[in-house]
Protein backbone atom coordinates (compact mmCIF):
# COMPACT_ATOMS: atom_id res chain seq x y z
CA MET A 1 0.67 -33.09 0.11
CA MET A 2 -0.49 -29.73 1.05
CA THR A 3 -0.22 -26.54 -1.54
CA GLU A 4 1.83 -23.65 -0.39
CA LEU A 5 -0.73 -20.44 -0.11
CA LEU A 6 0.06 -17.67 -2.32
CA GLU A 7 0.53 -14.37 -0.79
CA PRO A 8 -2.22 -11.87 -0.47
CA THR A 9 0.24 -9.19 -0.17
CA VAL A 10 1.12 -9.80 -4.04
CA ASP A 11 -1.57 -7.05 -5.47
CA PHE A 12 -2.45 -9.42 -8.60
CA VAL A 13 -3.96 -11.99 -5.73
CA PHE A 14 -5.41 -9.07 -2.93
CA LYS A 15 -7.50 -7.88 -6.32
CA GLN A 16 -8.99 -11.29 -6.73
CA ILE A 17 -9.63 -12.04 -3.51
CA PHE A 18 -11.48 -7.91 -3.07
CA GLY A 19 -12.17 -7.09 -6.64
CA SER A 20 -13.73 -9.67 -8.59
CA GLU A 21 -17.54 -10.48 -8.72
CA GLU A 22 -18.03 -12.99 -6.56
CA ASN A 23 -16.57 -11.51 -3.68
CA LYS A 24 -17.34 -7.52 -3.51
CA ASP A 25 -20.80 -8.57 -2.18
CA ASP A 26 -19.75 -9.98 1.19
CA VAL A 27 -15.65 -9.88 1.12
CA LEU A 28 -15.33 -6.36 -0.37
CA LEU A 29 -18.31 -4.77 1.13
CA ASN A 30 -17.77 -6.10 4.78
CA PHE A 31 -14.17 -5.44 4.95
CA LEU A 32 -14.75 -1.98 3.95
CA ASN A 33 -16.97 -1.84 6.47
CA GLU A 34 -14.61 -2.68 8.66
CA ALA A 35 -12.04 -0.22 7.53
CA LEU A 36 -14.26 2.09 7.37
CA ARG A 37 -16.20 2.08 11.26
CA GLU A 38 -14.18 5.43 12.78
CA THR A 39 -15.36 7.33 10.06
CA GLU A 40 -18.47 6.54 8.13
CA PRO A 41 -21.66 7.07 9.77
CA LYS A 42 -23.63 4.45 8.54
CA PRO A 43 -22.07 1.02 6.74
CA PHE A 44 -21.88 1.11 2.99
CA VAL A 45 -24.91 -1.45 2.10
CA SER A 46 -24.18 -2.08 -1.51
CA LEU A 47 -20.77 -2.24 -4.23
CA VAL A 48 -20.16 -1.80 -8.13
CA LEU A 49 -16.82 -2.47 -8.87
CA LEU A 50 -15.95 0.43 -11.63
CA ASN A 51 -12.63 -1.83 -13.17
CA PRO A 52 -13.09 -5.09 -12.11
CA GLN A 53 -11.05 -6.50 -15.57
CA MET A 54 -7.87 -7.16 -14.66
CA ASP A 55 -5.79 -6.97 -17.74
CA LYS A 56 -2.59 -10.12 -17.88
CA ASN A 57 -0.17 -8.47 -19.86
CA ALA A 58 -0.67 -5.80 -16.96
CA LEU A 59 1.00 -8.41 -14.87
CA THR A 60 4.73 -8.07 -16.00
CA ASP A 61 4.96 -4.60 -16.34
CA LYS A 62 5.98 -2.88 -12.87
CA GLN A 63 4.64 0.40 -12.84
CA ALA A 64 0.73 -0.77 -13.47
CA ILE A 65 -1.47 -0.49 -10.09
CA LEU A 66 -3.81 -3.82 -9.31
CA ASP A 67 -6.06 -1.62 -7.83
CA VAL A 68 -9.70 -2.42 -6.44
CA ARG A 69 -11.93 0.51 -7.53
CA ALA A 70 -15.63 0.30 -6.63
CA GLN A 71 -19.30 2.74 -5.37
CA ASN A 72 -21.44 2.01 -3.15
CA GLU A 73 -25.30 3.26 -2.70
CA ASP A 74 -24.97 6.82 -2.27
CA GLY A 75 -21.82 7.68 -4.92
CA LYS A 76 -19.47 7.54 -2.86
CA GLN A 77 -16.22 6.18 -4.12
CA VAL A 78 -13.34 3.86 -2.65
CA ASN A 79 -10.15 3.05 -4.12
CA LEU A 80 -8.38 0.05 -2.38
CA GLU A 81 -4.80 -0.11 -2.96
CA ILE A 82 -1.71 -3.04 -1.86
CA GLN A 83 1.95 -2.18 -1.79
CA VAL A 84 4.83 -4.10 -1.03
CA THR A 85 7.40 -2.04 -2.53
CA ASN A 86 8.12 1.23 -1.15
CA LYS A 87 8.62 3.51 -4.21
CA TYR A 88 9.25 6.72 -1.77
CA ASP A 89 6.26 8.75 -2.91
CA MET A 90 2.54 6.85 -1.40
CA PRO A 91 1.21 9.84 0.15
CA LYS A 92 1.83 12.17 -3.13
CA ARG A 93 0.74 9.06 -5.37
CA SER A 94 -2.15 8.12 -3.18
CA LEU A 95 -3.19 12.65 -3.24
CA TYR A 96 -3.20 11.88 -7.04
CA TYR A 97 -5.36 9.35 -7.42
CA SER A 98 -7.94 10.79 -4.93
CA ALA A 99 -8.28 14.40 -6.84
CA LYS A 100 -8.36 12.43 -9.89
CA MET A 101 -11.00 10.32 -8.44
CA TYR A 102 -12.95 13.34 -7.71
CA GLU A 103 -12.49 15.04 -10.43
CA GLU A 104 -13.67 12.27 -13.25
CA GLN A 105 -16.58 12.11 -11.74
CA LEU A 106 -18.26 15.81 -12.81
CA ALA A 107 -19.16 15.58 -16.35
CA GLU A 108 -19.97 19.49 -18.03
CA GLY A 109 -22.50 21.23 -17.52
CA GLN A 110 -22.58 19.88 -14.03
CA PHE A 111 -22.88 21.26 -10.66
CA TYR A 112 -19.72 20.72 -7.87
CA LYS A 113 -22.37 20.73 -5.90
CA SER A 114 -22.48 16.13 -7.20
CA LEU A 115 -19.37 15.91 -6.54
CA LYS A 116 -19.06 12.65 -3.71
CA LYS A 117 -16.15 11.54 -1.57
CA VAL A 118 -13.74 9.14 -2.52
CA ILE A 119 -11.80 7.24 0.17
CA SER A 120 -7.96 5.93 -0.32
CA ILE A 121 -7.38 3.03 0.87
CA ASN A 122 -3.51 2.46 0.96
CA ILE A 123 -2.48 -1.17 2.43
CA LEU A 124 1.69 -1.32 2.76
CA THR A 125 3.98 -3.74 4.07
CA TYR A 126 6.56 -1.27 4.72
CA ASN A 127 6.59 1.71 6.91
CA GLN A 128 5.62 5.02 5.89
CA ILE A 129 3.79 7.21 8.78
CA PRO A 130 6.27 8.00 11.89
CA ASN A 131 3.77 6.65 14.87
CA GLU A 132 3.50 3.67 15.86
CA ARG A 133 -0.22 3.36 14.76
CA PHE A 134 -1.16 0.59 12.44
CA HIS A 135 -4.53 2.71 10.20
CA ASN A 136 -3.35 6.42 10.18
CA ILE A 137 -7.20 8.61 8.42
CA TYR A 138 -6.20 11.52 6.97
CA HIS A 139 -8.94 14.58 6.01
CA LEU A 140 -8.46 18.18 5.08
CA ARG A 141 -8.27 19.85 8.07
CA GLU A 142 -7.88 23.56 9.76
CA ASP A 143 -4.07 23.75 10.85
CA HIS A 144 -5.38 25.69 14.26
CA THR A 145 -9.26 24.64 15.28
CA GLY A 146 -8.74 21.17 13.63
CA GLU A 147 -12.25 21.80 12.20
CA LEU A 148 -13.26 19.98 8.34
CA LEU A 149 -12.92 21.58 5.80
CA LEU A 150 -15.15 19.31 3.34
CA ASP A 151 -15.55 15.58 3.87
CA ASP A 152 -15.14 15.02 0.33
CA ILE A 153 -11.53 13.72 0.75
CA GLU A 154 -10.21 10.82 2.79
CA ILE A 155 -7.30 8.71 2.80
CA HIS A 156 -6.69 5.67 4.89
CA PHE A 157 -2.36 3.93 5.80
CA MET A 158 -2.44 0.58 7.43
CA GLU A 159 0.19 -0.69 7.73
CA LEU A 160 1.18 -4.27 8.08
CA SER A 161 4.93 -3.96 9.63
CA LYS A 162 2.74 -2.09 12.71
CA LEU A 163 -0.21 -4.75 13.42
CA ARG A 164 2.54 -6.22 16.86
CA LEU A 165 3.14 -2.52 17.94
CA THR A 166 -0.12 -1.06 18.42
CA PRO A 167 -2.45 -2.68 21.48
CA HIS A 168 -5.21 -3.13 20.17
CA LYS A 169 -8.15 -5.76 21.60
CA MET A 170 -7.82 -9.51 20.38
CA ASP A 171 -11.81 -9.28 18.65
CA ASP A 172 -10.88 -6.18 16.44
CA ARG A 173 -12.24 -7.16 13.15
CA LEU A 174 -9.68 -4.80 10.69
CA VAL A 175 -7.18 -6.79 12.71
CA ASN A 176 -7.95 -10.06 11.28
CA TRP A 177 -8.50 -8.65 8.38
CA LEU A 178 -5.48 -6.92 7.75
CA LEU A 179 -3.52 -10.41 10.27
CA PHE A 180 -4.64 -12.72 7.06
CA ILE A 181 -3.62 -10.17 4.39
CA ASN A 182 -0.49 -10.73 6.06
CA GLY A 183 -0.39 -14.03 5.62
CA ALA A 184 -1.56 -15.76 9.01
CA PRO A 185 -1.15 -19.07 9.21
CA LYS A 186 -3.79 -21.25 8.30
CA ASP A 187 -3.76 -22.57 12.21
CA ARG A 188 -5.00 -19.48 12.97
CA TRP A 189 -7.93 -18.55 10.45
CA GLU A 190 -10.64 -20.11 12.35
CA GLU A 191 -9.74 -18.09 15.23
CA LEU A 192 -9.39 -15.08 13.02
CA ALA A 193 -12.94 -15.47 10.76
CA MET A 194 -14.70 -16.67 14.05
CA ASP A 195 -16.73 -13.54 14.57
CA THR A 196 -15.26 -11.60 10.80
CA PRO A 197 -18.31 -11.74 8.64
CA GLY A 198 -16.72 -12.10 4.78
CA LEU A 199 -13.34 -13.29 5.82
CA LYS A 200 -13.82 -17.05 5.95
CA LYS A 201 -14.89 -16.55 1.78
CA ALA A 202 -12.01 -14.09 1.44
CA MET A 203 -9.72 -18.11 3.26
CA THR A 204 -11.77 -20.01 0.68
CA THR A 205 -10.98 -18.17 -2.18
CA LEU A 206 -7.19 -17.92 -1.17
CA GLU A 207 -6.86 -21.12 -0.68
CA PHE A 208 -9.05 -21.95 -4.18
CA LEU A 209 -6.43 -19.75 -6.20
CA SER A 210 -3.96 -21.00 -4.69
CA GLN A 211 -5.27 -24.91 -5.97
CA ASN A 212 -5.14 -23.66 -9.48
CA LYS A 213 -1.87 -24.18 -12.02
CA GLU A 214 -2.57 -20.88 -14.37
CA THR A 215 -3.33 -18.81 -11.89
CA ARG A 216 0.15 -20.00 -9.72
CA MET A 217 2.17 -19.40 -12.75
CA LEU A 218 0.67 -15.63 -13.41
CA TYR A 219 1.50 -15.25 -9.66
CA GLU A 220 5.03 -16.48 -9.83
CA MET A 221 5.11 -13.38 -13.15
CA ARG A 222 3.72 -10.97 -11.26
CA LYS A 223 6.03 -12.09 -7.98
CA LYS A 224 9.04 -11.58 -10.03
CA ALA A 225 7.92 -8.07 -11.75
CA LEU A 226 7.52 -6.35 -8.31
CA LEU A 227 10.86 -7.83 -7.05
CA ASP A 228 12.52 -6.76 -10.20
CA GLU A 229 11.02 -2.89 -9.44
CA GLN A 230 12.09 -3.28 -5.35
CA SER A 231 15.34 -4.47 -6.82
CA ALA A 232 15.69 -1.32 -9.21
CA LEU A 233 14.43 1.07 -6.53
CA ASP A 234 16.64 -0.08 -3.62
CA TYR A 235 20.13 0.23 -6.18
CA ALA A 236 19.19 3.53 -6.98
CA GLN A 237 18.38 4.76 -3.57
CA SER A 238 21.68 3.13 -2.41
CA ARG A 239 23.63 5.09 -6.01
CA GLY A 240 22.23 8.00 -4.26
CA ARG A 241 23.28 7.74 -0.85
CA ALA A 242 26.94 7.09 -2.43
CA GLU A 243 27.03 10.12 -4.43
CA GLU A 244 26.47 11.94 -1.01
CA LYS A 245 28.81 10.30 0.67
CA ALA A 246 31.30 11.73 -2.28
CA GLU A 247 30.25 15.01 -2.03
CA VAL A 248 31.08 14.67 1.54
CA ALA A 249 33.51 13.65 1.70
CA LYS A 250 35.42 16.22 -1.57
CA LYS A 251 34.24 19.61 0.65
CA MET A 252 35.97 18.22 3.86
CA LEU A 253 39.40 16.75 1.60
CA HIS A 254 38.83 20.55 -0.26
CA GLU A 255 39.03 21.93 4.21
CA GLY A 256 41.91 19.83 4.02
CA LEU A 257 40.93 17.73 6.91
CA SER A 258 42.69 13.81 7.12
CA VAL A 259 41.70 10.92 5.13
CA SER A 260 41.12 9.04 8.47
CA LEU A 261 38.81 11.80 9.33
CA ILE A 262 36.87 11.29 6.08
CA SER A 263 36.65 7.68 6.25
CA LYS A 264 35.01 8.01 10.24
CA VAL A 265 32.46 10.15 8.72
CA THR A 266 31.19 9.12 5.76
CA GLY A 267 32.02 5.78 6.10
CA LEU A 268 33.81 4.97 2.68
CA SER A 269 37.42 3.70 2.70
CA GLU A 270 40.60 5.30 2.64
CA ILE A 271 40.97 4.05 -0.82
CA GLU A 272 37.48 5.96 -2.38
CA ILE A 273 39.35 9.08 -0.51
CA GLU A 274 42.06 8.81 -2.07
CA ALA A 275 41.15 8.25 -5.52
CA LEU A 276 38.70 11.14 -4.97
CA SER A 277 41.67 13.27 -4.14
CA LYS A 278 43.21 12.58 -7.15
CA GLN A 279 39.69 13.06 -9.05
CA ILE A 280 40.07 17.01 -7.44
CA HIS A 281 43.65 18.22 -7.80
C-alpha cells in the first residue's frame, strides 16, 4: 500500500524540505538560484542557515511562522516563507520582516555601508497581486523614471494558483519547483526533476517524511492549527461583511426606501431588514 504524500504547502513540511542542514546545499541553494535568476547577477555559491531549528511546540500555535532564513557567501540574507492562510496583510508583513532583517544586521558602532541586501520570497497558495503573473518582484524605485534607489530590499511574491494562467516554457525550472511544491502528482515527478537540479532530492525528502509516523502526526497537528486559523479569519471577514450590509440597510431605511428594494441592494432578507427597522425606531 502506497503512503499518501504530505502536502509541501504545509509550512512544517516545507521547512523540513528547504530549511534543513542536509538539504541547504542542493535543494535550497538550487531553488534560490532559480527564484533569483532575474535579479542576482551571479548564482549563490553557498548558504548558512540562520534558523535551522524547529520548535515542535510552535506547531499548534496558529501565529507561528515556520520560515527558512539563510545567508549567502556575500552576506546577503534570504527569508523564504510559504503561506496557505490569507491574513489580508501579507505585503505589510513581508515589508516589516524585510526591514527587520535589514536593521538587525547593524551592530552598534557599525556604518550603514556595511548593510547587505535582504530578499524576502513569499510563496502563496492564494491570489495576492492583481495581475496574472505568478512571479512578481518588488524594489524601491523612483515613481516617474523607474530608477532603482538601491537594491537592498527585494520582495518576491510567487502565487501557486496562477501557474496555469501565465504563459511559460515547459522547461522553466522555477515552474517545475513550484509545481512540485503545489502537490504535482508522482507520475509527473520524473518529468519535472529531469532538468531541475536539486528537485529530485526534494522529492526524495518528501517521500521519506511521508513514511515517518511521528512526522505525519506532527503534520496533522500543524495542518489542524492552520485550518483553525483560516476558519477564524473567514468568520471575522464574513462578520465584517454582514455588519457593512446592516449599516447600508439602516441608512436606506432612514431614507424611507422600501424593504424589498433594500433587500435587492444588500442581499439581506426582508425579515432581517424588518428586524433592523425595529432597532432604529
